[in-house]
Amino acid sequence: MTYFPFYVDISNQNCLVVGGGKIAYRKIKILLEFNVRIKIIAPGISRQIYDLESEINKKHLKKIIIIDREFEDGDIDDTDFVIAATDNEHLNSHISRLCKRNNKMVNVVDVKEECSFIFPAIIKMKEMVVGISTGGNSPAMAAQIKKEIQKNIPDYYGELIEFLGENRDYIKSEVSDSGDRKKVYDELIELANLHKGNITGQDLVDIVNKYKMKLNSDVL
C-alpha cells in the first residue's frame, strides 16, 4: 500500500500516547513542535518524559498531561488521534481495534497493518516540513533518507520561507502577472542562496520594482 502524504493542521488537537518509554518520548517531542495537546498514559513513565513535562510547564504551555496507570478503554474518548507505543503487542493491537471501531486515527509503532496513519520521519524548519515515509516498511530506511535530505537543505531555509510567506501579499499586489511573480520568487531564492540566507527588505523591493517597471514599459 502506498500512503498519500496529506498535510493537516493538528495544532491544539488532543493526542493520546499510550506508552512511556523511549519510543513514546521521541513521538511526543516531535508532536510538541506542532502545538499538540498530549495525554500520556502508562505505568512507570520514563524520567525523560517527566523532565519534558516540567520543561513545557515552565513555559506555562500546559501541553502535556501524564497519567501513571494502565490504559483503560475510555481513555480514547475526547481524543483526536492515538499513538500506541507500549512494549505489549496484545495491548497495542487492542488499542488499534478499539480506535478503528470508534473512528479514531491510530498509529501503532512498528506494526503498519494496525495503523490508520503512518508517522513519518520529519524534517522541520519553522514552517517548512518534509515528511519521509516508506509506507511503514522500513523506519531505518526512512531515517537514512532523512539524513541524506538534511545534508542538502541549507539551515537558513526555514527563515527564508518565512520571509517569502510574510511578503507574499506584497508581491502579489505589486506584480500582477503570475509568470513575472514566479521570476520574482526565483530571483529572491537565488539571491538568498548566493548570500547564505542574508536577504533584506530592500532586496525584495528592488526585485519587485524591476518587474513593475517591466509591466509599465509593456503597457506603454
N, C-alpha and C. Protein backbone atom coordinates (compact mmCIF):
# COMPACT_ATOMS: atom_id res chain seq x y z
N MET A 1 0.84 -1.20 0.00
CA MET A 1 0.00 0.00 0.00
C MET A 1 0.88 1.25 0.00
N THR A 2 0.51 2.20 -0.86
CA THR A 2 1.22 3.48 -0.89
C THR A 2 0.37 4.54 -0.20
N TYR A 3 0.95 5.26 0.74
CA TYR A 3 0.21 6.27 1.52
C TYR A 3 0.37 7.64 0.89
N PHE A 4 -0.76 8.36 0.77
CA PHE A 4 -0.71 9.73 0.24
C PHE A 4 -0.35 10.69 1.37
N PRO A 5 0.59 11.61 1.14
CA PRO A 5 1.05 12.50 2.23
C PRO A 5 0.18 13.74 2.41
N PHE A 6 -0.98 13.57 3.05
CA PHE A 6 -1.77 14.74 3.43
C PHE A 6 -1.02 15.54 4.50
N TYR A 7 -1.09 16.87 4.39
CA TYR A 7 -0.54 17.73 5.44
C TYR A 7 -1.72 18.39 6.15
N VAL A 8 -1.85 18.15 7.43
CA VAL A 8 -3.02 18.55 8.20
C VAL A 8 -2.60 19.43 9.37
N ASP A 9 -3.40 20.45 9.66
CA ASP A 9 -3.16 21.29 10.83
C ASP A 9 -3.64 20.55 12.07
N ILE A 10 -2.72 20.13 12.93
CA ILE A 10 -3.10 19.41 14.15
C ILE A 10 -2.88 20.25 15.40
N SER A 11 -2.65 21.54 15.23
CA SER A 11 -2.44 22.41 16.39
C SER A 11 -3.67 22.39 17.29
N ASN A 12 -3.42 22.23 18.58
CA ASN A 12 -4.46 22.19 19.61
C ASN A 12 -5.36 20.96 19.53
N GLN A 13 -5.00 19.98 18.71
CA GLN A 13 -5.74 18.71 18.75
C GLN A 13 -5.27 17.91 19.96
N ASN A 14 -6.12 16.96 20.36
CA ASN A 14 -5.83 16.15 21.54
C ASN A 14 -5.29 14.79 21.11
N CYS A 15 -4.06 14.52 21.50
CA CYS A 15 -3.42 13.24 21.17
C CYS A 15 -3.24 12.42 22.44
N LEU A 16 -3.59 11.14 22.34
CA LEU A 16 -3.32 10.21 23.43
C LEU A 16 -2.12 9.35 23.04
N VAL A 17 -1.11 9.34 23.88
CA VAL A 17 0.04 8.45 23.70
C VAL A 17 -0.03 7.40 24.79
N VAL A 18 -0.15 6.14 24.39
CA VAL A 18 -0.15 5.04 25.36
C VAL A 18 1.24 4.42 25.33
N GLY A 19 1.95 4.60 26.42
CA GLY A 19 3.34 4.15 26.47
C GLY A 19 4.20 5.25 27.06
N GLY A 20 5.22 4.84 27.81
CA GLY A 20 6.04 5.85 28.48
C GLY A 20 7.53 5.63 28.35
N GLY A 21 7.95 4.95 27.28
CA GLY A 21 9.36 4.67 27.08
C GLY A 21 10.03 5.56 26.06
N LYS A 22 11.14 5.08 25.50
CA LYS A 22 11.94 5.89 24.59
C LYS A 22 11.20 6.22 23.29
N ILE A 23 10.48 5.24 22.76
CA ILE A 23 9.76 5.48 21.50
C ILE A 23 8.67 6.52 21.72
N ALA A 24 7.92 6.37 22.80
CA ALA A 24 6.87 7.35 23.12
C ALA A 24 7.48 8.74 23.27
N TYR A 25 8.62 8.81 23.94
CA TYR A 25 9.29 10.10 24.14
C TYR A 25 9.62 10.76 22.81
N ARG A 26 10.15 10.00 21.86
CA ARG A 26 10.51 10.57 20.56
C ARG A 26 9.28 11.09 19.83
N LYS A 27 8.19 10.34 19.89
CA LYS A 27 6.95 10.79 19.23
C LYS A 27 6.43 12.07 19.88
N ILE A 28 6.47 12.11 21.20
CA ILE A 28 5.97 13.28 21.93
C ILE A 28 6.79 14.52 21.58
N LYS A 29 8.11 14.38 21.53
CA LYS A 29 8.98 15.51 21.20
C LYS A 29 8.62 16.11 19.84
N ILE A 30 8.37 15.26 18.87
CA ILE A 30 8.01 15.74 17.53
C ILE A 30 6.65 16.41 17.55
N LEU A 31 5.67 15.79 18.19
CA LEU A 31 4.32 16.35 18.21
C LEU A 31 4.27 17.71 18.88
N LEU A 32 5.09 17.92 19.90
CA LEU A 32 5.10 19.22 20.58
C LEU A 32 5.51 20.35 19.65
N GLU A 33 6.30 20.05 18.62
CA GLU A 33 6.68 21.07 17.65
C GLU A 33 5.49 21.54 16.82
N PHE A 34 4.40 20.77 16.86
CA PHE A 34 3.22 21.11 16.08
C PHE A 34 2.07 21.56 16.98
N ASN A 35 2.41 21.94 18.22
CA ASN A 35 1.45 22.57 19.14
C ASN A 35 0.26 21.66 19.46
N VAL A 36 0.55 20.39 19.69
CA VAL A 36 -0.49 19.42 20.02
C VAL A 36 -0.63 19.29 21.53
N ARG A 37 -1.86 19.04 22.01
CA ARG A 37 -2.08 18.73 23.43
C ARG A 37 -1.95 17.22 23.59
N ILE A 38 -1.11 16.79 24.50
CA ILE A 38 -0.78 15.37 24.60
C ILE A 38 -1.09 14.83 25.99
N LYS A 39 -1.85 13.73 26.00
CA LYS A 39 -2.10 12.99 27.24
C LYS A 39 -1.32 11.68 27.15
N ILE A 40 -0.51 11.39 28.17
CA ILE A 40 0.34 10.20 28.17
C ILE A 40 -0.14 9.27 29.28
N ILE A 41 -0.44 8.03 28.90
CA ILE A 41 -0.91 7.06 29.88
C ILE A 41 -0.04 5.81 29.81
N ALA A 42 0.53 5.45 30.96
CA ALA A 42 1.32 4.22 31.07
C ALA A 42 1.78 4.09 32.51
N PRO A 43 1.94 2.87 32.99
CA PRO A 43 2.57 2.69 34.30
C PRO A 43 4.08 2.79 34.15
N GLY A 44 4.74 3.44 35.08
CA GLY A 44 6.19 3.53 35.04
C GLY A 44 6.73 4.37 33.91
N ILE A 45 6.22 5.59 33.80
CA ILE A 45 6.65 6.51 32.73
C ILE A 45 8.09 6.96 32.97
N SER A 46 8.84 7.09 31.89
CA SER A 46 10.27 7.38 31.99
C SER A 46 10.56 8.77 32.56
N ARG A 47 11.75 8.88 33.13
CA ARG A 47 12.22 10.17 33.66
C ARG A 47 12.29 11.21 32.56
N GLN A 48 12.68 10.80 31.35
CA GLN A 48 12.77 11.72 30.22
C GLN A 48 11.45 12.42 29.97
N ILE A 49 10.37 11.67 30.02
CA ILE A 49 9.05 12.25 29.74
C ILE A 49 8.64 13.19 30.87
N TYR A 50 8.91 12.81 32.12
CA TYR A 50 8.61 13.72 33.23
C TYR A 50 9.41 15.01 33.13
N ASP A 51 10.67 14.89 32.74
CA ASP A 51 11.50 16.10 32.56
C ASP A 51 10.95 16.98 31.45
N LEU A 52 10.47 16.35 30.39
CA LEU A 52 9.89 17.10 29.28
C LEU A 52 8.64 17.84 29.73
N GLU A 53 7.82 17.16 30.54
CA GLU A 53 6.61 17.80 31.08
C GLU A 53 6.99 19.03 31.91
N SER A 54 8.00 18.91 32.75
CA SER A 54 8.44 20.04 33.59
C SER A 54 8.93 21.20 32.73
N GLU A 55 9.69 20.87 31.70
CA GLU A 55 10.22 21.90 30.80
C GLU A 55 9.09 22.66 30.10
N ILE A 56 8.09 21.92 29.64
CA ILE A 56 6.96 22.55 28.94
C ILE A 56 6.13 23.38 29.91
N ASN A 57 5.88 22.84 31.10
CA ASN A 57 5.05 23.56 32.08
C ASN A 57 5.72 24.83 32.59
N LYS A 58 7.06 24.87 32.60
CA LYS A 58 7.76 26.09 32.98
C LYS A 58 7.44 27.24 32.03
N LYS A 59 7.12 26.88 30.80
CA LYS A 59 6.76 27.89 29.79
C LYS A 59 5.27 28.21 29.83
N HIS A 60 4.56 27.61 30.82
CA HIS A 60 3.12 27.84 31.02
C HIS A 60 2.32 27.42 29.80
N LEU A 61 2.80 26.40 29.09
CA LEU A 61 2.09 25.94 27.90
C LEU A 61 1.05 24.87 28.24
N LYS A 62 1.32 24.07 29.27
CA LYS A 62 0.40 23.02 29.74
C LYS A 62 -0.08 22.15 28.58
N LYS A 63 0.87 21.67 27.80
CA LYS A 63 0.54 20.85 26.64
C LYS A 63 0.63 19.36 26.95
N ILE A 64 1.13 19.00 28.13
CA ILE A 64 1.31 17.59 28.47
C ILE A 64 0.58 17.26 29.76
N ILE A 65 -0.18 16.16 29.73
CA ILE A 65 -0.78 15.59 30.93
C ILE A 65 -0.25 14.16 31.06
N ILE A 66 0.28 13.83 32.23
CA ILE A 66 0.80 12.48 32.47
C ILE A 66 -0.12 11.76 33.46
N ILE A 67 -0.52 10.55 33.09
CA ILE A 67 -1.34 9.71 33.97
C ILE A 67 -0.61 8.38 34.13
N ASP A 68 -0.09 8.14 35.31
CA ASP A 68 0.74 6.96 35.56
C ASP A 68 -0.14 5.79 36.01
N ARG A 69 -0.68 5.07 35.05
CA ARG A 69 -1.51 3.89 35.32
C ARG A 69 -1.67 3.09 34.03
N GLU A 70 -2.35 1.94 34.15
CA GLU A 70 -2.63 1.13 32.97
C GLU A 70 -3.69 1.80 32.08
N PHE A 71 -3.64 1.51 30.80
CA PHE A 71 -4.62 2.03 29.84
C PHE A 71 -6.00 1.45 30.12
N GLU A 72 -7.03 2.30 29.95
CA GLU A 72 -8.42 1.87 30.02
C GLU A 72 -9.12 2.28 28.73
N ASP A 73 -10.09 1.49 28.29
CA ASP A 73 -10.74 1.75 27.00
C ASP A 73 -11.30 3.16 26.88
N GLY A 74 -11.83 3.68 27.97
CA GLY A 74 -12.42 5.02 27.93
C GLY A 74 -11.42 6.13 27.73
N ASP A 75 -10.14 5.80 27.79
CA ASP A 75 -9.10 6.82 27.63
C ASP A 75 -9.08 7.43 26.23
N ILE A 76 -9.64 6.71 25.25
CA ILE A 76 -9.62 7.27 23.89
C ILE A 76 -10.71 8.31 23.67
N ASP A 77 -11.65 8.41 24.61
CA ASP A 77 -12.71 9.43 24.49
C ASP A 77 -12.07 10.82 24.50
N ASP A 78 -12.66 11.72 23.73
CA ASP A 78 -12.20 13.12 23.67
C ASP A 78 -10.77 13.25 23.12
N THR A 79 -10.33 12.26 22.36
CA THR A 79 -9.03 12.38 21.69
C THR A 79 -9.26 12.45 20.18
N ASP A 80 -8.35 13.12 19.50
CA ASP A 80 -8.45 13.21 18.04
C ASP A 80 -7.65 12.11 17.35
N PHE A 81 -6.53 11.73 17.95
CA PHE A 81 -5.76 10.61 17.40
C PHE A 81 -4.94 9.98 18.51
N VAL A 82 -4.54 8.74 18.26
CA VAL A 82 -3.91 7.92 19.30
C VAL A 82 -2.62 7.30 18.77
N ILE A 83 -1.61 7.25 19.63
CA ILE A 83 -0.37 6.54 19.31
C ILE A 83 -0.17 5.45 20.36
N ALA A 84 -0.12 4.20 19.89
CA ALA A 84 0.12 3.07 20.78
C ALA A 84 1.60 2.73 20.71
N ALA A 85 2.31 3.00 21.79
CA ALA A 85 3.77 2.84 21.80
C ALA A 85 4.23 2.04 23.01
N THR A 86 3.47 1.02 23.37
CA THR A 86 3.87 0.18 24.50
C THR A 86 4.71 -0.99 23.99
N ASP A 87 5.30 -1.74 24.93
CA ASP A 87 6.05 -2.94 24.54
C ASP A 87 5.18 -4.20 24.65
N ASN A 88 3.86 -3.98 24.76
CA ASN A 88 2.89 -5.08 24.86
C ASN A 88 2.12 -5.19 23.55
N GLU A 89 2.45 -6.17 22.71
CA GLU A 89 1.83 -6.29 21.39
C GLU A 89 0.33 -6.49 21.48
N HIS A 90 -0.12 -7.27 22.46
CA HIS A 90 -1.56 -7.53 22.60
C HIS A 90 -2.30 -6.24 22.96
N LEU A 91 -1.73 -5.44 23.83
CA LEU A 91 -2.36 -4.17 24.20
C LEU A 91 -2.38 -3.23 23.01
N ASN A 92 -1.28 -3.14 22.28
CA ASN A 92 -1.24 -2.28 21.10
C ASN A 92 -2.30 -2.68 20.08
N SER A 93 -2.46 -3.99 19.86
CA SER A 93 -3.47 -4.48 18.92
C SER A 93 -4.88 -4.15 19.41
N HIS A 94 -5.08 -4.30 20.71
CA HIS A 94 -6.39 -3.97 21.29
C HIS A 94 -6.71 -2.49 21.09
N ILE A 95 -5.73 -1.63 21.34
CA ILE A 95 -5.92 -0.19 21.15
C ILE A 95 -6.24 0.12 19.70
N SER A 96 -5.56 -0.54 18.77
CA SER A 96 -5.82 -0.33 17.34
C SER A 96 -7.26 -0.69 16.99
N ARG A 97 -7.71 -1.87 17.41
CA ARG A 97 -9.09 -2.29 17.11
C ARG A 97 -10.10 -1.34 17.74
N LEU A 98 -9.84 -0.94 18.98
CA LEU A 98 -10.74 -0.04 19.69
C LEU A 98 -10.86 1.30 18.96
N CYS A 99 -9.74 1.84 18.54
CA CYS A 99 -9.75 3.13 17.84
C CYS A 99 -10.49 3.04 16.51
N LYS A 100 -10.24 1.98 15.78
CA LYS A 100 -10.89 1.83 14.47
C LYS A 100 -12.40 1.67 14.61
N ARG A 101 -12.84 0.96 15.65
CA ARG A 101 -14.28 0.84 15.90
C ARG A 101 -14.91 2.18 16.24
N ASN A 102 -14.13 3.06 16.84
CA ASN A 102 -14.64 4.36 17.27
C ASN A 102 -14.20 5.51 16.36
N ASN A 103 -13.76 5.16 15.16
CA ASN A 103 -13.35 6.17 14.16
C ASN A 103 -12.29 7.14 14.69
N LYS A 104 -11.33 6.59 15.42
CA LYS A 104 -10.19 7.38 15.90
C LYS A 104 -8.96 7.00 15.07
N MET A 105 -8.24 8.01 14.61
CA MET A 105 -6.99 7.75 13.91
C MET A 105 -5.99 7.14 14.89
N VAL A 106 -5.29 6.09 14.44
CA VAL A 106 -4.38 5.40 15.36
C VAL A 106 -3.08 5.02 14.64
N ASN A 107 -1.99 5.16 15.36
CA ASN A 107 -0.68 4.70 14.89
C ASN A 107 -0.14 3.72 15.91
N VAL A 108 0.15 2.52 15.45
CA VAL A 108 0.77 1.51 16.30
C VAL A 108 2.23 1.39 15.89
N VAL A 109 3.11 1.69 16.78
CA VAL A 109 4.54 1.76 16.47
C VAL A 109 5.03 0.42 15.93
N ASP A 110 5.64 0.47 14.74
CA ASP A 110 6.30 -0.68 14.10
C ASP A 110 5.35 -1.78 13.62
N VAL A 111 4.04 -1.52 13.58
CA VAL A 111 3.10 -2.51 13.04
C VAL A 111 2.17 -1.79 12.06
N LYS A 112 2.60 -1.69 10.81
CA LYS A 112 1.86 -0.87 9.85
C LYS A 112 0.46 -1.41 9.58
N GLU A 113 0.26 -2.74 9.71
CA GLU A 113 -1.06 -3.31 9.43
C GLU A 113 -2.11 -2.83 10.42
N GLU A 114 -1.69 -2.36 11.58
CA GLU A 114 -2.64 -1.94 12.60
C GLU A 114 -2.78 -0.42 12.66
N CYS A 115 -2.12 0.27 11.73
CA CYS A 115 -2.17 1.73 11.71
C CYS A 115 -3.23 2.23 10.75
N SER A 116 -3.87 3.34 11.11
CA SER A 116 -4.71 4.06 10.14
C SER A 116 -3.99 5.31 9.64
N PHE A 117 -2.85 5.63 10.25
CA PHE A 117 -1.96 6.66 9.69
C PHE A 117 -0.52 6.30 10.03
N ILE A 118 0.38 6.76 9.17
CA ILE A 118 1.81 6.50 9.35
C ILE A 118 2.47 7.74 9.93
N PHE A 119 3.35 7.53 10.89
CA PHE A 119 4.12 8.62 11.50
C PHE A 119 5.44 8.70 10.75
N PRO A 120 5.62 9.72 9.90
CA PRO A 120 6.83 9.75 9.06
C PRO A 120 8.05 10.25 9.81
N ALA A 121 9.21 10.04 9.20
CA ALA A 121 10.41 10.75 9.64
C ALA A 121 10.25 12.19 9.19
N ILE A 122 10.55 13.14 10.07
CA ILE A 122 10.21 14.54 9.82
C ILE A 122 11.44 15.44 9.88
N ILE A 123 11.51 16.34 8.91
CA ILE A 123 12.47 17.44 8.94
C ILE A 123 11.65 18.72 9.05
N LYS A 124 11.89 19.52 10.09
CA LYS A 124 11.10 20.74 10.29
C LYS A 124 12.02 21.93 10.52
N MET A 125 11.81 22.96 9.71
CA MET A 125 12.49 24.24 9.89
C MET A 125 11.42 25.33 9.83
N LYS A 126 10.98 25.79 10.98
CA LYS A 126 9.88 26.75 11.06
C LYS A 126 8.67 26.19 10.31
N GLU A 127 8.23 26.86 9.22
CA GLU A 127 7.04 26.41 8.50
C GLU A 127 7.34 25.34 7.45
N MET A 128 8.60 25.07 7.21
CA MET A 128 8.96 24.03 6.24
C MET A 128 8.93 22.68 6.92
N VAL A 129 8.14 21.77 6.37
CA VAL A 129 8.05 20.41 6.91
C VAL A 129 8.22 19.41 5.77
N VAL A 130 9.18 18.53 5.93
CA VAL A 130 9.38 17.43 4.98
C VAL A 130 9.09 16.14 5.72
N GLY A 131 8.18 15.35 5.18
CA GLY A 131 7.86 14.05 5.77
C GLY A 131 8.38 12.93 4.88
N ILE A 132 9.06 11.97 5.47
CA ILE A 132 9.60 10.84 4.71
C ILE A 132 8.99 9.55 5.23
N SER A 133 8.34 8.81 4.33
CA SER A 133 7.71 7.56 4.72
C SER A 133 8.10 6.44 3.75
N THR A 134 8.29 5.26 4.30
CA THR A 134 8.49 4.07 3.47
C THR A 134 7.25 3.18 3.54
N GLY A 135 6.11 3.79 3.85
CA GLY A 135 4.88 3.02 3.97
C GLY A 135 4.90 2.07 5.15
N GLY A 136 5.73 2.37 6.13
CA GLY A 136 5.83 1.50 7.30
C GLY A 136 6.73 0.30 7.10
N ASN A 137 7.35 0.18 5.93
CA ASN A 137 8.18 -0.99 5.63
C ASN A 137 9.54 -0.96 6.30
N SER A 138 10.13 0.24 6.41
CA SER A 138 11.48 0.32 6.99
C SER A 138 11.73 1.68 7.61
N PRO A 139 11.40 1.85 8.89
CA PRO A 139 11.72 3.11 9.58
C PRO A 139 13.21 3.45 9.52
N ALA A 140 14.06 2.42 9.51
CA ALA A 140 15.51 2.67 9.43
C ALA A 140 15.87 3.32 8.11
N MET A 141 15.22 2.87 7.02
CA MET A 141 15.49 3.46 5.71
C MET A 141 14.96 4.88 5.66
N ALA A 142 13.79 5.13 6.27
CA ALA A 142 13.25 6.49 6.32
C ALA A 142 14.22 7.42 7.05
N ALA A 143 14.82 6.92 8.13
CA ALA A 143 15.79 7.72 8.88
C ALA A 143 17.03 8.02 8.04
N GLN A 144 17.45 7.04 7.24
CA GLN A 144 18.62 7.25 6.38
C GLN A 144 18.33 8.28 5.30
N ILE A 145 17.13 8.19 4.69
CA ILE A 145 16.73 9.16 3.67
C ILE A 145 16.67 10.56 4.28
N LYS A 146 16.15 10.64 5.51
CA LYS A 146 16.09 11.93 6.21
C LYS A 146 17.47 12.54 6.34
N LYS A 147 18.46 11.73 6.73
CA LYS A 147 19.83 12.24 6.87
C LYS A 147 20.37 12.77 5.54
N GLU A 148 20.08 12.03 4.46
CA GLU A 148 20.58 12.43 3.14
C GLU A 148 19.95 13.76 2.71
N ILE A 149 18.65 13.92 2.97
CA ILE A 149 17.97 15.16 2.61
C ILE A 149 18.50 16.32 3.44
N GLN A 150 18.68 16.08 4.75
CA GLN A 150 19.16 17.14 5.63
C GLN A 150 20.52 17.69 5.20
N LYS A 151 21.35 16.82 4.65
CA LYS A 151 22.67 17.26 4.18
C LYS A 151 22.56 18.31 3.08
N ASN A 152 21.45 18.27 2.35
CA ASN A 152 21.31 19.13 1.17
C ASN A 152 20.36 20.31 1.37
N ILE A 153 19.86 20.50 2.58
CA ILE A 153 18.98 21.63 2.87
C ILE A 153 19.74 22.65 3.71
N PRO A 154 19.99 23.84 3.19
CA PRO A 154 20.68 24.88 3.98
C PRO A 154 19.90 25.20 5.25
N ASP A 155 20.62 25.53 6.31
CA ASP A 155 19.97 25.76 7.60
C ASP A 155 19.16 27.05 7.66
N TYR A 156 19.27 27.89 6.63
CA TYR A 156 18.50 29.13 6.61
C TYR A 156 17.18 29.01 5.84
N TYR A 157 16.87 27.84 5.33
CA TYR A 157 15.66 27.70 4.51
C TYR A 157 14.38 28.02 5.28
N GLY A 158 14.33 27.65 6.55
CA GLY A 158 13.13 27.93 7.33
C GLY A 158 12.86 29.42 7.41
N GLU A 159 13.90 30.20 7.70
CA GLU A 159 13.74 31.66 7.78
C GLU A 159 13.44 32.27 6.42
N LEU A 160 14.04 31.71 5.36
CA LEU A 160 13.78 32.22 4.02
C LEU A 160 12.32 31.99 3.63
N ILE A 161 11.81 30.81 3.92
CA ILE A 161 10.41 30.50 3.62
C ILE A 161 9.49 31.42 4.40
N GLU A 162 9.83 31.69 5.66
CA GLU A 162 9.04 32.61 6.48
C GLU A 162 9.04 34.01 5.86
N PHE A 163 10.20 34.47 5.40
CA PHE A 163 10.33 35.78 4.76
C PHE A 163 9.47 35.85 3.49
N LEU A 164 9.53 34.82 2.67
CA LEU A 164 8.73 34.81 1.43
C LEU A 164 7.24 34.79 1.75
N GLY A 165 6.85 34.05 2.77
CA GLY A 165 5.44 33.99 3.14
C GLY A 165 4.93 35.32 3.66
N GLU A 166 5.74 35.99 4.47
CA GLU A 166 5.34 37.29 5.02
C GLU A 166 5.16 38.34 3.93
N ASN A 167 5.86 38.19 2.82
CA ASN A 167 5.82 39.19 1.75
C ASN A 167 5.01 38.74 0.54
N ARG A 168 4.31 37.64 0.69
CA ARG A 168 3.56 37.09 -0.45
C ARG A 168 2.49 38.06 -0.94
N ASP A 169 1.72 38.63 -0.01
CA ASP A 169 0.65 39.56 -0.41
C ASP A 169 1.23 40.80 -1.08
N TYR A 170 2.36 41.28 -0.56
CA TYR A 170 3.00 42.46 -1.16
C TYR A 170 3.41 42.18 -2.60
N ILE A 171 4.05 41.04 -2.82
CA ILE A 171 4.49 40.68 -4.17
C ILE A 171 3.29 40.54 -5.10
N LYS A 172 2.24 39.92 -4.61
CA LYS A 172 1.04 39.72 -5.44
C LYS A 172 0.39 41.04 -5.79
N SER A 173 0.39 41.99 -4.85
CA SER A 173 -0.26 43.28 -5.11
C SER A 173 0.56 44.15 -6.07
N GLU A 174 1.87 43.94 -6.08
CA GLU A 174 2.75 44.78 -6.90
C GLU A 174 3.03 44.20 -8.29
N VAL A 175 2.99 42.89 -8.39
CA VAL A 175 3.30 42.22 -9.67
C VAL A 175 2.11 41.36 -10.06
N SER A 176 1.33 41.83 -11.01
CA SER A 176 0.06 41.18 -11.33
C SER A 176 0.21 39.94 -12.19
N ASP A 177 1.25 39.89 -13.01
CA ASP A 177 1.43 38.75 -13.91
C ASP A 177 2.02 37.55 -13.15
N SER A 178 1.36 36.40 -13.24
CA SER A 178 1.81 35.23 -12.48
C SER A 178 3.19 34.75 -12.93
N GLY A 179 3.47 34.87 -14.23
CA GLY A 179 4.79 34.48 -14.72
C GLY A 179 5.89 35.36 -14.16
N ASP A 180 5.61 36.66 -14.08
CA ASP A 180 6.60 37.58 -13.51
C ASP A 180 6.76 37.36 -12.01
N ARG A 181 5.66 37.02 -11.33
CA ARG A 181 5.77 36.75 -9.89
C ARG A 181 6.67 35.54 -9.64
N LYS A 182 6.55 34.54 -10.49
CA LYS A 182 7.44 33.37 -10.35
C LYS A 182 8.90 33.80 -10.51
N LYS A 183 9.15 34.71 -11.45
CA LYS A 183 10.52 35.20 -11.65
C LYS A 183 11.01 35.97 -10.43
N VAL A 184 10.11 36.73 -9.80
CA VAL A 184 10.47 37.45 -8.57
C VAL A 184 10.92 36.45 -7.50
N TYR A 185 10.11 35.41 -7.30
CA TYR A 185 10.47 34.40 -6.29
C TYR A 185 11.77 33.70 -6.65
N ASP A 186 11.92 33.36 -7.92
CA ASP A 186 13.16 32.68 -8.34
C ASP A 186 14.39 33.55 -8.07
N GLU A 187 14.28 34.84 -8.34
CA GLU A 187 15.42 35.74 -8.11
C GLU A 187 15.69 35.92 -6.62
N LEU A 188 14.63 36.01 -5.83
CA LEU A 188 14.81 36.14 -4.38
C LEU A 188 15.50 34.91 -3.81
N ILE A 189 15.07 33.74 -4.24
CA ILE A 189 15.67 32.50 -3.74
C ILE A 189 17.13 32.38 -4.19
N GLU A 190 17.37 32.74 -5.45
CA GLU A 190 18.74 32.69 -5.96
C GLU A 190 19.65 33.65 -5.19
N LEU A 191 19.13 34.86 -4.91
CA LEU A 191 19.92 35.84 -4.16
C LEU A 191 20.18 35.35 -2.74
N ALA A 192 19.16 34.78 -2.13
CA ALA A 192 19.31 34.26 -0.76
C ALA A 192 20.35 33.15 -0.72
N ASN A 193 20.32 32.26 -1.70
CA ASN A 193 21.30 31.18 -1.75
C ASN A 193 22.72 31.72 -1.97
N LEU A 194 22.81 32.76 -2.76
CA LEU A 194 24.11 33.36 -3.04
C LEU A 194 24.73 33.96 -1.77
N HIS A 195 23.85 34.52 -0.92
CA HIS A 195 24.32 35.20 0.30
C HIS A 195 24.02 34.39 1.57
N LYS A 196 23.82 33.08 1.40
CA LYS A 196 23.61 32.17 2.54
C LYS A 196 22.46 32.62 3.44
N GLY A 197 21.38 33.03 2.80
CA GLY A 197 20.16 33.39 3.52
C GLY A 197 20.04 34.84 3.90
N ASN A 198 21.09 35.62 3.70
CA ASN A 198 21.05 37.04 4.05
C ASN A 198 20.35 37.83 2.94
N ILE A 199 19.10 38.13 3.16
CA ILE A 199 18.30 38.87 2.19
C ILE A 199 17.51 39.94 2.94
N THR A 200 17.39 41.11 2.37
CA THR A 200 16.77 42.24 3.08
C THR A 200 15.48 42.68 2.40
N GLY A 201 14.75 43.52 3.11
CA GLY A 201 13.55 44.11 2.53
C GLY A 201 13.86 44.94 1.30
N GLN A 202 15.02 45.59 1.32
CA GLN A 202 15.41 46.40 0.15
C GLN A 202 15.69 45.51 -1.06
N ASP A 203 16.27 44.35 -0.84
CA ASP A 203 16.47 43.40 -1.94
C ASP A 203 15.12 43.04 -2.57
N LEU A 204 14.15 42.81 -1.72
CA LEU A 204 12.80 42.48 -2.19
C LEU A 204 12.22 43.61 -3.03
N VAL A 205 12.30 44.83 -2.51
CA VAL A 205 11.75 46.00 -3.21
C VAL A 205 12.44 46.18 -4.56
N ASP A 206 13.75 46.01 -4.59
CA ASP A 206 14.50 46.21 -5.84
C ASP A 206 14.06 45.21 -6.91
N ILE A 207 13.90 43.96 -6.51
CA ILE A 207 13.50 42.94 -7.48
C ILE A 207 12.06 43.15 -7.93
N VAL A 208 11.17 43.47 -6.99
CA VAL A 208 9.77 43.73 -7.34
C VAL A 208 9.67 44.92 -8.28
N ASN A 209 10.42 45.99 -7.98
CA ASN A 209 10.37 47.19 -8.82
C ASN A 209 10.83 46.91 -10.25
N LYS A 210 11.75 46.00 -10.40
CA LYS A 210 12.23 45.65 -11.74
C LYS A 210 11.09 45.10 -12.59
N TYR A 211 10.25 44.29 -11.97
CA TYR A 211 9.14 43.69 -12.72
C TYR A 211 7.95 44.63 -12.81
N LYS A 212 7.84 45.56 -11.87
CA LYS A 212 6.82 46.62 -12.01
C LYS A 212 7.19 47.52 -13.19
N MET A 213 8.46 47.86 -13.30
CA MET A 213 8.92 48.70 -14.40
C MET A 213 8.73 47.99 -15.73
N LYS A 214 8.97 46.67 -15.73
CA LYS A 214 8.77 45.90 -16.96
C LYS A 214 7.31 45.94 -17.38
N LEU A 215 6.42 45.80 -16.39
CA LEU A 215 4.99 45.84 -16.68
C LEU A 215 4.59 47.19 -17.23
N ASN A 216 5.11 48.27 -16.62
CA ASN A 216 4.77 49.62 -17.08
C ASN A 216 5.27 49.86 -18.50
N SER A 217 6.48 49.37 -18.81
CA SER A 217 7.02 49.57 -20.16
C SER A 217 6.23 48.77 -21.18
N ASP A 218 5.73 47.58 -20.77
CA ASP A 218 4.92 46.77 -21.68
C ASP A 218 3.61 47.47 -22.00
N VAL A 219 3.03 48.13 -20.99
CA VAL A 219 1.77 48.85 -21.19
C VAL A 219 1.98 50.03 -22.12
N LEU A 220 3.10 50.76 -21.93
CA LEU A 220 3.40 51.90 -22.79
C LEU A 220 3.67 51.44 -24.22
